[in-house]
Amino acid sequence: AAREHGRNAELAALTIVVLDAGGHVIAAEREDGASIR
């Protein structure tokens, strides 16, 4: 849904990280064209 929002709003390529309450990565995606880091 965050990526869809980004496309609809014509945002630059996004990187999205979802953490659980303990700070562990559950999901992460880097869209094509997102810059390093």
Full PDB file with SEQRES, HELIX, SHEET, SSBOND, CRYST1, ORIGX, SCALE, CONECT and MASTER records, all heavy atoms in Angstrom:
SEQRES   1 A   37  ALA ALA ARG GLU HIS GLY ARG ASN ALA GLU LEU ALA ALA          
SEQRES   2 A   37  LEU THR ILE VAL VAL LEU ASP ALA GLY GLY HIS VAL ILE          
SEQRES   3 A   37  ALA ALA GLU ARG GLU ASP GLY ALA SER ILE ARG                  
HELIX    1 AA1 ALA A    2  ASN A    8  1                                   7    
SHEET    1 AA1 2 THR A  15  LEU A  19  0                                        
SHEET    2 AA1 2 VAL A  25  ARG A  30 -1                                        
CRYST1    1.000    1.000    1.000  90.00  90.00  90.00 P 1           1          
ORIGX1      1.000000  0.000000  0.000000        0.00000                         
ORIGX2      0.000000  1.000000  0.000000        0.00000                         
ORIGX3      0.000000  0.000000  1.000000        0.00000                         
SCALE1      1.000000  0.000000  0.000000        0.00000                         
SCALE2      0.000000  1.000000  0.000000        0.00000                         
SCALE3      0.000000  0.000000  1.000000        0.00000                         
ATOM      1  N   ALA A   1       0.827  -1.211   0.000  1.00  0.00           N  
ATOM      2  CA  ALA A   1       0.000   0.000   0.000  1.00  0.00           C  
ATOM      3  C   ALA A   1       0.860   1.260   0.000  1.00  0.00           C  
ATOM      4  O   ALA A   1       0.507   2.256  -0.643  1.00  0.00           O  
ATOM      5  CB  ALA A   1      -0.938  -0.011   1.206  1.00  0.00           C  
ATOM      6  N   ALA A   2       1.983   1.226   0.694  1.00  0.00           N  
ATOM      7  CA  ALA A   2       2.890   2.383   0.679  1.00  0.00           C  
ATOM      8  C   ALA A   2       3.450   2.598  -0.718  1.00  0.00           C  
ATOM      9  O   ALA A   2       3.539   3.740  -1.198  1.00  0.00           O  
ATOM     10  CB  ALA A   2       4.018   2.176   1.687  1.00  0.00           C  
ATOM     11  N   ARG A   3       3.812   1.524  -1.390  1.00  0.00           N  
ATOM     12  CA  ARG A   3       4.323   1.643  -2.763  1.00  0.00           C  
ATOM     13  C   ARG A   3       3.238   2.155  -3.705  1.00  0.00           C  
ATOM     14  O   ARG A   3       3.502   2.998  -4.563  1.00  0.00           O  
ATOM     15  CB  ARG A   3       4.848   0.291  -3.258  1.00  0.00           C  
ATOM     16  CG  ARG A   3       6.144  -0.123  -2.552  1.00  0.00           C  
ATOM     17  CD  ARG A   3       6.759  -1.352  -3.163  1.00  0.00           C  
ATOM     18  NE  ARG A   3       7.102  -1.049  -4.549  1.00  0.00           N  
ATOM     19  CZ  ARG A   3       7.085  -1.953  -5.531  1.00  0.00           C  
ATOM     20  NH1 ARG A   3       6.728  -3.207  -5.284  1.00  0.00           N  
ATOM     21  NH2 ARG A   3       7.412  -1.605  -6.758  1.00  0.00           N  
ATOM     22  N   GLU A   4       2.018   1.664  -3.534  1.00  0.00           N  
ATOM     23  CA  GLU A   4       0.913   2.145  -4.366  1.00  0.00           C  
ATOM     24  C   GLU A   4       0.685   3.637  -4.147  1.00  0.00           C  
ATOM     25  O   GLU A   4       0.494   4.395  -5.102  1.00  0.00           O  
ATOM     26  CB  GLU A   4      -0.362   1.360  -4.063  1.00  0.00           C  
ATOM     27  CG  GLU A   4      -1.531   1.788  -4.931  1.00  0.00           C  
ATOM     28  CD  GLU A   4      -2.792   0.988  -4.668  1.00  0.00           C  
ATOM     29  OE1 GLU A   4      -2.760   0.002  -3.902  1.00  0.00           O  
ATOM     30  OE2 GLU A   4      -3.842   1.367  -5.230  1.00  0.00           O  
ATOM     31  N   HIS A   5       0.715   4.057  -2.891  1.00  0.00           N  
ATOM     32  CA  HIS A   5       0.593   5.481  -2.589  1.00  0.00           C  
ATOM     33  C   HIS A   5       1.696   6.265  -3.302  1.00  0.00           C  
ATOM     34  O   HIS A   5       1.435   7.321  -3.891  1.00  0.00           O  
ATOM     35  CB  HIS A   5       0.672   5.722  -1.075  1.00  0.00           C  
ATOM     36  CG  HIS A   5       0.726   7.169  -0.721  1.00  0.00           C  
ATOM     37  ND1 HIS A   5      -0.404   7.934  -0.551  1.00  0.00           N  
ATOM     38  CD2 HIS A   5       1.787   8.002  -0.533  1.00  0.00           C  
ATOM     39  CE1 HIS A   5      -0.040   9.181  -0.276  1.00  0.00           C  
ATOM     40  NE2 HIS A   5       1.284   9.246  -0.255  1.00  0.00           N  
ATOM     41  N   GLY A   6       2.899   5.751  -3.241  1.00  0.00           N  
ATOM     42  CA  GLY A   6       4.024   6.411  -3.896  1.00  0.00           C  
ATOM     43  C   GLY A   6       3.835   6.551  -5.390  1.00  0.00           C  
ATOM     44  O   GLY A   6       4.109   7.612  -5.964  1.00  0.00           O  
ATOM     45  N   ARG A   7       3.355   5.513  -6.021  1.00  0.00           N  
ATOM     46  CA  ARG A   7       3.103   5.571  -7.472  1.00  0.00           C  
ATOM     47  C   ARG A   7       1.998   6.572  -7.783  1.00  0.00           C  
ATOM     48  O   ARG A   7       2.128   7.387  -8.699  1.00  0.00           O  
ATOM     49  CB  ARG A   7       2.741   4.186  -8.008  1.00  0.00           C  
ATOM     50  CG  ARG A   7       3.930   3.255  -8.132  1.00  0.00           C  
ATOM     51  CD  ARG A   7       3.601   1.977  -8.880  1.00  0.00           C  
ATOM     52  NE  ARG A   7       2.510   1.225  -8.264  1.00  0.00           N  
ATOM     53  CZ  ARG A   7       2.655   0.349  -7.276  1.00  0.00           C  
ATOM     54  NH1 ARG A   7       3.842   0.115  -6.782  1.00  0.00           N  
ATOM     55  NH2 ARG A   7       1.620  -0.297  -6.787  1.00  0.00           N  
ATOM     56  N   ASN A   8       0.903   6.523  -7.018  1.00  0.00           N  
ATOM     57  CA  ASN A   8      -0.216   7.441  -7.259  1.00  0.00           C  
ATOM     58  C   ASN A   8       0.173   8.900  -7.038  1.00  0.00           C  
ATOM     59  O   ASN A   8      -0.347   9.792  -7.711  1.00  0.00           O  
ATOM     60  CB  ASN A   8      -1.414   7.078  -6.378  1.00  0.00           C  
ATOM     61  CG  ASN A   8      -2.052   5.769  -6.778  1.00  0.00           C  
ATOM     62  OD1 ASN A   8      -1.903   5.296  -7.908  1.00  0.00           O  
ATOM     63  ND2 ASN A   8      -2.761   5.140  -5.858  1.00  0.00           N  
ATOM     64  N   ALA A   9       1.062   9.143  -6.085  1.00  0.00           N  
ATOM     65  CA  ALA A   9       1.503  10.502  -5.785  1.00  0.00           C  
ATOM     66  C   ALA A   9       2.726  10.913  -6.616  1.00  0.00           C  
ATOM     67  O   ALA A   9       3.248  12.005  -6.438  1.00  0.00           O  
ATOM     68  CB  ALA A   9       1.823  10.631  -4.295  1.00  0.00           C  
ATOM     69  N   GLU A  10       3.169  10.003  -7.475  1.00  0.00           N  
ATOM     70  CA  GLU A  10       4.339  10.239  -8.345  1.00  0.00           C  
ATOM     71  C   GLU A  10       5.584  10.584  -7.530  1.00  0.00           C  
ATOM     72  O   GLU A  10       6.351  11.492  -7.870  1.00  0.00           O  
ATOM     73  CB  GLU A  10       4.028  11.309  -9.391  1.00  0.00           C  
ATOM     74  CG  GLU A  10       2.900  10.906 -10.321  1.00  0.00           C  
ATOM     75  CD  GLU A  10       2.590  11.941 -11.398  1.00  0.00           C  
ATOM     76  OE1 GLU A  10       3.263  12.989 -11.459  1.00  0.00           O  
ATOM     77  OE2 GLU A  10       1.665  11.669 -12.175  1.00  0.00           O  
ATOM     78  N   LEU A  11       5.800   9.813  -6.466  1.00  0.00           N  
ATOM     79  CA  LEU A  11       6.979  10.007  -5.635  1.00  0.00           C  
ATOM     80  C   LEU A  11       8.199   9.358  -6.289  1.00  0.00           C  
ATOM     81  O   LEU A  11       8.070   8.478  -7.136  1.00  0.00           O  
ATOM     82  CB  LEU A  11       6.762   9.386  -4.249  1.00  0.00           C  
ATOM     83  CG  LEU A  11       5.577   9.888  -3.440  1.00  0.00           C  
ATOM     84  CD1 LEU A  11       5.558   9.236  -2.059  1.00  0.00           C  
ATOM     85  CD2 LEU A  11       5.573  11.397  -3.332  1.00  0.00           C  
ATOM     86  N   ALA A  12       9.360   9.778  -5.863  1.00  0.00           N  
ATOM     87  CA  ALA A  12      10.597   9.132  -6.285  1.00  0.00           C  
ATOM     88  C   ALA A  12      10.597   7.692  -5.761  1.00  0.00           C  
ATOM     89  O   ALA A  12       9.795   7.322  -4.894  1.00  0.00           O  
ATOM     90  CB  ALA A  12      11.787   9.903  -5.732  1.00  0.00           C  
ATOM     91  N   ALA A  13      11.507   6.883  -6.282  1.00  0.00           N  
ATOM     92  CA  ALA A  13      11.608   5.484  -5.860  1.00  0.00           C  
ATOM     93  C   ALA A  13      11.818   5.400  -4.347  1.00  0.00           C  
ATOM     94  O   ALA A  13      12.669   6.085  -3.786  1.00  0.00           O  
ATOM     95  CB  ALA A  13      12.749   4.801  -6.594  1.00  0.00           C  
ATOM     96  N   LEU A  14      11.023   4.560  -3.704  1.00  0.00           N  
ATOM     97  CA  LEU A  14      11.021   4.448  -2.250  1.00  0.00           C  
ATOM     98  C   LEU A  14      11.699   3.168  -1.778  1.00  0.00           C  
ATOM     99  O   LEU A  14      11.702   2.155  -2.483  1.00  0.00           O  
ATOM    100  CB  LEU A  14       9.586   4.443  -1.718  1.00  0.00           C  
ATOM    101  CG  LEU A  14       8.717   5.651  -2.041  1.00  0.00           C  
ATOM    102  CD1 LEU A  14       7.301   5.428  -1.522  1.00  0.00           C  
ATOM    103  CD2 LEU A  14       9.330   6.922  -1.474  1.00  0.00           C  
ATOM    104  N   THR A  15      12.222   3.235  -0.574  1.00  0.00           N  
ATOM    105  CA  THR A  15      12.650   2.047   0.153  1.00  0.00           C  
ATOM    106  C   THR A  15      11.827   2.021   1.430  1.00  0.00           C  
ATOM    107  O   THR A  15      11.731   3.017   2.137  1.00  0.00           O  
ATOM    108  CB  THR A  15      14.152   2.091   0.470  1.00  0.00           C  
ATOM    109  OG1 THR A  15      14.868   2.125  -0.770  1.00  0.00           O  
ATOM    110  CG2 THR A  15      14.579   0.875   1.275  1.00  0.00           C  
ATOM    111  N   ILE A  16      11.213   0.870   1.682  1.00  0.00           N  
ATOM    112  CA  ILE A  16      10.262   0.721   2.786  1.00  0.00           C  
ATOM    113  C   ILE A  16      10.763  -0.381   3.708  1.00  0.00           C  
ATOM    114  O   ILE A  16      11.094  -1.483   3.238  1.00  0.00           O  
ATOM    115  CB  ILE A  16       8.861   0.362   2.242  1.00  0.00           C  
ATOM    116  CG1 ILE A  16       8.395   1.446   1.282  1.00  0.00           C  
ATOM    117  CG2 ILE A  16       7.862   0.149   3.370  1.00  0.00           C  
ATOM    118  CD1 ILE A  16       7.613   0.922   0.118  1.00  0.00           C  
ATOM    119  N   VAL A  17      10.791  -0.099   4.999  1.00  0.00           N  
ATOM    120  CA  VAL A  17      11.220  -1.074   5.997  1.00  0.00           C  
ATOM    121  C   VAL A  17      10.140  -1.164   7.072  1.00  0.00           C  
ATOM    122  O   VAL A  17       9.726  -0.146   7.620  1.00  0.00           O  
ATOM    123  CB  VAL A  17      12.569  -0.680   6.635  1.00  0.00           C  
ATOM    124  CG1 VAL A  17      12.968  -1.674   7.715  1.00  0.00           C  
ATOM    125  CG2 VAL A  17      13.657  -0.567   5.581  1.00  0.00           C  
ATOM    126  N   VAL A  18       9.691  -2.381   7.356  1.00  0.00           N  
ATOM    127  CA  VAL A  18       8.701  -2.617   8.411  1.00  0.00           C  
ATOM    128  C   VAL A  18       9.383  -3.423   9.517  1.00  0.00           C  
ATOM    129  O   VAL A  18       9.949  -4.488   9.266  1.00  0.00           O  
ATOM    130  CB  VAL A  18       7.474  -3.390   7.875  1.00  0.00           C  
ATOM    131  CG1 VAL A  18       6.452  -3.623   8.987  1.00  0.00           C  
ATOM    132  CG2 VAL A  18       6.845  -2.664   6.704  1.00  0.00           C  
ATOM    133  N   LEU A  19       9.308  -2.879  10.741  1.00  0.00           N  
ATOM    134  CA  LEU A  19       9.896  -3.523  11.910  1.00  0.00           C  
ATOM    135  C   LEU A  19       8.805  -3.967  12.867  1.00  0.00           C  
ATOM    136  O   LEU A  19       7.775  -3.298  12.991  1.00  0.00           O  
ATOM    137  CB  LEU A  19      10.810  -2.547  12.657  1.00  0.00           C  
ATOM    138  CG  LEU A  19      11.919  -1.863  11.868  1.00  0.00           C  
ATOM    139  CD1 LEU A  19      12.684  -0.908  12.779  1.00  0.00           C  
ATOM    140  CD2 LEU A  19      12.840  -2.867  11.230  1.00  0.00           C  
ATOM    141  N   ASP A  20       9.049  -5.066  13.593  1.00  0.00           N  
ATOM    142  CA  ASP A  20       8.129  -5.433  14.664  1.00  0.00           C  
ATOM    143  C   ASP A  20       8.474  -4.612  15.900  1.00  0.00           C  
ATOM    144  O   ASP A  20       9.414  -3.802  15.894  1.00  0.00           O  
ATOM    145  CB  ASP A  20       8.149  -6.947  14.923  1.00  0.00           C  
ATOM    146  CG  ASP A  20       9.451  -7.467  15.495  1.00  0.00           C  
ATOM    147  OD1 ASP A  20      10.311  -6.671  15.951  1.00  0.00           O  
ATOM    148  OD2 ASP A  20       9.621  -8.706  15.511  1.00  0.00           O  
ATOM    149  N   ALA A  21       7.740  -4.794  16.977  1.00  0.00           N  
ATOM    150  CA  ALA A  21       7.920  -3.979  18.183  1.00  0.00           C  
ATOM    151  C   ALA A  21       9.301  -4.156  18.800  1.00  0.00           C  
ATOM    152  O   ALA A  21       9.777  -3.278  19.517  1.00  0.00           O  
ATOM    153  CB  ALA A  21       6.836  -4.294  19.206  1.00  0.00           C  
ATOM    154  N   GLY A  22       9.974  -5.266  18.510  1.00  0.00           N  
ATOM    155  CA  GLY A  22      11.320  -5.505  19.016  1.00  0.00           C  
ATOM    156  C   GLY A  22      12.411  -4.959  18.123  1.00  0.00           C  
ATOM    157  O   GLY A  22      13.595  -5.127  18.414  1.00  0.00           O  
ATOM    158  N   GLY A  23      12.023  -4.301  17.022  1.00  0.00           N  
ATOM    159  CA  GLY A  23      12.992  -3.718  16.117  1.00  0.00           C  
ATOM    160  C   GLY A  23      13.534  -4.664  15.063  1.00  0.00           C  
ATOM    161  O   GLY A  23      14.493  -4.329  14.361  1.00  0.00           O  
ATOM    162  N   HIS A  24      12.921  -5.836  14.918  1.00  0.00           N  
ATOM    163  CA  HIS A  24      13.361  -6.802  13.909  1.00  0.00           C  
ATOM    164  C   HIS A  24      12.710  -6.491  12.565  1.00  0.00           C  
ATOM    165  O   HIS A  24      11.510  -6.190  12.506  1.00  0.00           O  
ATOM    166  CB  HIS A  24      12.986  -8.229  14.329  1.00  0.00           C  
ATOM    167  CG  HIS A  24      13.550  -8.593  15.652  1.00  0.00           C  
ATOM    168  ND1 HIS A  24      12.814  -8.528  16.810  1.00  0.00           N  
ATOM    169  CD2 HIS A  24      14.796  -8.995  16.013  1.00  0.00           C  
ATOM    170  CE1 HIS A  24      13.561  -8.893  17.831  1.00  0.00           C  
ATOM    171  NE2 HIS A  24      14.774  -9.170  17.370  1.00  0.00           N  
ATOM    172  N   VAL A  25      13.473  -6.619  11.499  1.00  0.00           N  
ATOM    173  CA  VAL A  25      12.944  -6.396  10.163  1.00  0.00           C  
ATOM    174  C   VAL A  25      11.989  -7.535   9.812  1.00  0.00           C  
ATOM    175  O   VAL A  25      12.355  -8.705   9.868  1.00  0.00           O  
ATOM    176  CB  VAL A  25      14.076  -6.316   9.112  1.00  0.00           C  
ATOM    177  CG1 VAL A  25      13.489  -6.182   7.701  1.00  0.00           C  
ATOM    178  CG2 VAL A  25      15.011  -5.158   9.403  1.00  0.00           C  
ATOM    179  N   ILE A  26      10.754  -7.170   9.450  1.00  0.00           N  
ATOM    180  CA  ILE A  26       9.784  -8.155   8.977  1.00  0.00           C  
ATOM    181  C   ILE A  26       9.747  -8.138   7.456  1.00  0.00           C  
ATOM    182  O   ILE A  26       9.688  -9.175   6.817  1.00  0.00           O  
ATOM    183  CB  ILE A  26       8.373  -7.877   9.536  1.00  0.00           C  
ATOM    184  CG1 ILE A  26       8.370  -7.967  11.035  1.00  0.00           C  
ATOM    185  CG2 ILE A  26       7.372  -8.874   8.946  1.00  0.00           C  
ATOM    186  CD1 ILE A  26       7.038  -7.613  11.645  1.00  0.00           C  
ATOM    187  N   ALA A  27       9.765  -6.941   6.889  1.00  0.00           N  
ATOM    188  CA  ALA A  27       9.720  -6.809   5.434  1.00  0.00           C  
ATOM    189  C   ALA A  27      10.484  -5.558   5.030  1.00  0.00           C  
ATOM    190  O   ALA A  27      10.486  -4.563   5.757  1.00  0.00           O  
ATOM    191  CB  ALA A  27       8.273  -6.728   4.940  1.00  0.00           C  
ATOM    192  N   ALA A  28      11.119  -5.636   3.865  1.00  0.00           N  
ATOM    193  CA  ALA A  28      11.819  -4.473   3.319  1.00  0.00           C  
ATOM    194  C   ALA A  28      11.825  -4.600   1.803  1.00  0.00           C  
ATOM    195  O   ALA A  28      12.037  -5.696   1.274  1.00  0.00           O  
ATOM    196  CB  ALA A  28      13.243  -4.387   3.846  1.00  0.00           C  
ATOM    197  N   GLU A  29      11.563  -3.491   1.142  1.00  0.00           N  
ATOM    198  CA  GLU A  29      11.634  -3.458  -0.319  1.00  0.00           C  
ATOM    199  C   GLU A  29      12.276  -2.159  -0.761  1.00  0.00           C  
ATOM    200  O   GLU A  29      12.008  -1.099  -0.201  1.00  0.00           O  
ATOM    201  CB  GLU A  29      10.244  -3.571  -0.959  1.00  0.00           C  
ATOM    202  CG  GLU A  29       9.670  -4.957  -0.876  1.00  0.00           C  
ATOM    203  CD  GLU A  29       8.453  -5.155  -1.771  1.00  0.00           C  
ATOM    204  OE1 GLU A  29       8.247  -4.377  -2.725  1.00  0.00           O  
ATOM    205  OE2 GLU A  29       7.711  -6.095  -1.484  1.00  0.00           O  
ATOM    206  N   ARG A  30      13.102  -2.273  -1.780  1.00  0.00           N  
ATOM    207  CA  ARG A  30      13.748  -1.123  -2.398  1.00  0.00           C  
ATOM    208  C   ARG A  30      13.271  -1.081  -3.833  1.00  0.00           C  
ATOM    209  O   ARG A  30      13.510  -2.008  -4.601  1.00  0.00           O  
ATOM    210  CB  ARG A  30      15.269  -1.279  -2.346  1.00  0.00           C  
ATOM    211  CG  ARG A  30      16.032  -0.169  -3.016  1.00  0.00           C  
ATOM    212  CD  ARG A  30      17.515  -0.550  -3.169  1.00  0.00           C  
ATOM    213  NE  ARG A  30      18.150   0.304  -4.130  1.00  0.00           N  
ATOM    214  CZ  ARG A  30      18.148   0.119  -5.449  1.00  0.00           C  
ATOM    215  NH1 ARG A  30      17.527  -0.913  -5.982  1.00  0.00           N  
ATOM    216  NH2 ARG A  30      18.767   0.963  -6.238  1.00  0.00           N  
ATOM    217  N   GLU A  31      12.576  -0.012  -4.187  1.00  0.00           N  
ATOM    218  CA  GLU A  31      12.063   0.103  -5.549  1.00  0.00           C  
ATOM    219  C   GLU A  31      13.212   0.352  -6.522  1.00  0.00           C  
ATOM    220  O   GLU A  31      14.245   0.928  -6.162  1.00  0.00           O  
ATOM    221  CB  GLU A  31      11.047   1.239  -5.651  1.00  0.00           C  
ATOM    222  CG  GLU A  31       9.762   0.950  -4.902  1.00  0.00           C  
ATOM    223  CD  GLU A  31       8.717   2.024  -5.082  1.00  0.00           C  
ATOM    224  OE1 GLU A  31       9.063   3.231  -5.085  1.00  0.00           O  
ATOM    225  OE2 GLU A  31       7.538   1.652  -5.208  1.00  0.00           O  
ATOM    226  N   ASP A  32      13.002  -0.086  -7.749  1.00  0.00           N  
ATOM    227  CA  ASP A  32      13.984   0.166  -8.798  1.00  0.00           C  
ATOM    228  C   ASP A  32      14.270   1.653  -8.876  1.00  0.00           C  
ATOM    229  O   ASP A  32      13.352   2.475  -8.843  1.00  0.00           O  
ATOM    230  CB  ASP A  32      13.461  -0.311 -10.157  1.00  0.00           C  
ATOM    231  CG  ASP A  32      13.267  -1.814 -10.224  1.00  0.00           C  
ATOM    232  OD1 ASP A  32      13.840  -2.529  -9.380  1.00  0.00           O  
ATOM    233  OD2 ASP A  32      12.533  -2.266 -11.124  1.00  0.00           O  
ATOM    234  N   GLY A  33      15.533   1.994  -8.937  1.00  0.00           N  
ATOM    235  CA  GLY A  33      15.924   3.392  -9.059  1.00  0.00           C  
ATOM    236  C   GLY A  33      16.180   4.100  -7.745  1.00  0.00           C  
ATOM    237  O   GLY A  33      16.625   5.245  -7.744  1.00  0.00           O  
ATOM    238  N   ALA A  34      15.897   3.443  -6.626  1.00  0.00           N  
ATOM    239  CA  ALA A  34      16.171   4.077  -5.335  1.00  0.00           C  
ATOM    240  C   ALA A  34      17.681   4.210  -5.168  1.00  0.00           C  
ATOM    241  O   ALA A  34      18.442   3.316  -5.526  1.00  0.00           O  
ATOM    242  CB  ALA A  34      15.583   3.255  -4.189  1.00  0.00           C  
ATOM    243  N   SER A  35      18.101   5.326  -4.618  1.00  0.00           N  
ATOM    244  CA  SER A  35      19.532   5.555  -4.453  1.00  0.00           C  
ATOM    245  C   SER A  35      20.098   4.675  -3.334  1.00  0.00           C  
ATOM    246  O   SER A  35      19.350   4.087  -2.548  1.00  0.00           O  
ATOM    247  CB  SER A  35      19.807   7.037  -4.194  1.00  0.00           C  
ATOM    248  OG  SER A  35      19.164   7.459  -3.020  1.00  0.00           O  
ATOM    249  N   ILE A  36      21.425   4.639  -3.281  1.00  0.00           N  
ATOM    250  CA  ILE A  36      22.081   3.774  -2.299  1.00  0.00           C  
ATOM    251  C   ILE A  36      21.831   4.269  -0.878  1.00  0.00           C  
ATOM    252  O   ILE A  36      21.497   5.418  -0.661  1.00  0.00           O  
ATOM    253  CB  ILE A  36      23.595   3.664  -2.569  1.00  0.00           C  
ATOM    254  CG1 ILE A  36      24.289   5.020  -2.350  1.00  0.00           C  
ATOM    255  CG2 ILE A  36      23.851   3.161  -3.968  1.00  0.00           C  
ATOM    256  CD1 ILE A  36      25.805   4.926  -2.342  1.00  0.00           C  
ATOM    257  N   ARG A  37      21.944   3.367   0.053  1.00  0.00           N  
ATOM    258  CA  ARG A  37      21.830   3.611   1.488  1.00  0.00           C  
ATOM    259  C   ARG A  37      20.423   3.983   1.946  1.00  0.00           C  
ATOM    260  O   ARG A  37      20.217   4.375   3.090  1.00  0.00           O  
ATOM    261  CB  ARG A  37      22.828   4.661   1.970  1.00  0.00           C  
ATOM    262  CG  ARG A  37      24.274   4.422   1.546  1.00  0.00           C  
ATOM    263  CD  ARG A  37      24.786   3.064   1.880  1.00  0.00           C  
ATOM    264  NE  ARG A  37      25.153   2.968   3.278  1.00  0.00           N  
ATOM    265  CZ  ARG A  37      25.897   2.003   3.779  1.00  0.00           C  
ATOM    266  NH1 ARG A  37      26.344   1.050   3.000  1.00  0.00           N  
ATOM    267  NH2 ARG A  37      26.170   1.965   5.052  1.00  0.00           N  
TER     268      ARG A  37                                                      
MASTER        0    0    0    1    2    0    0    6  267    1    0    3          
END                                                                             
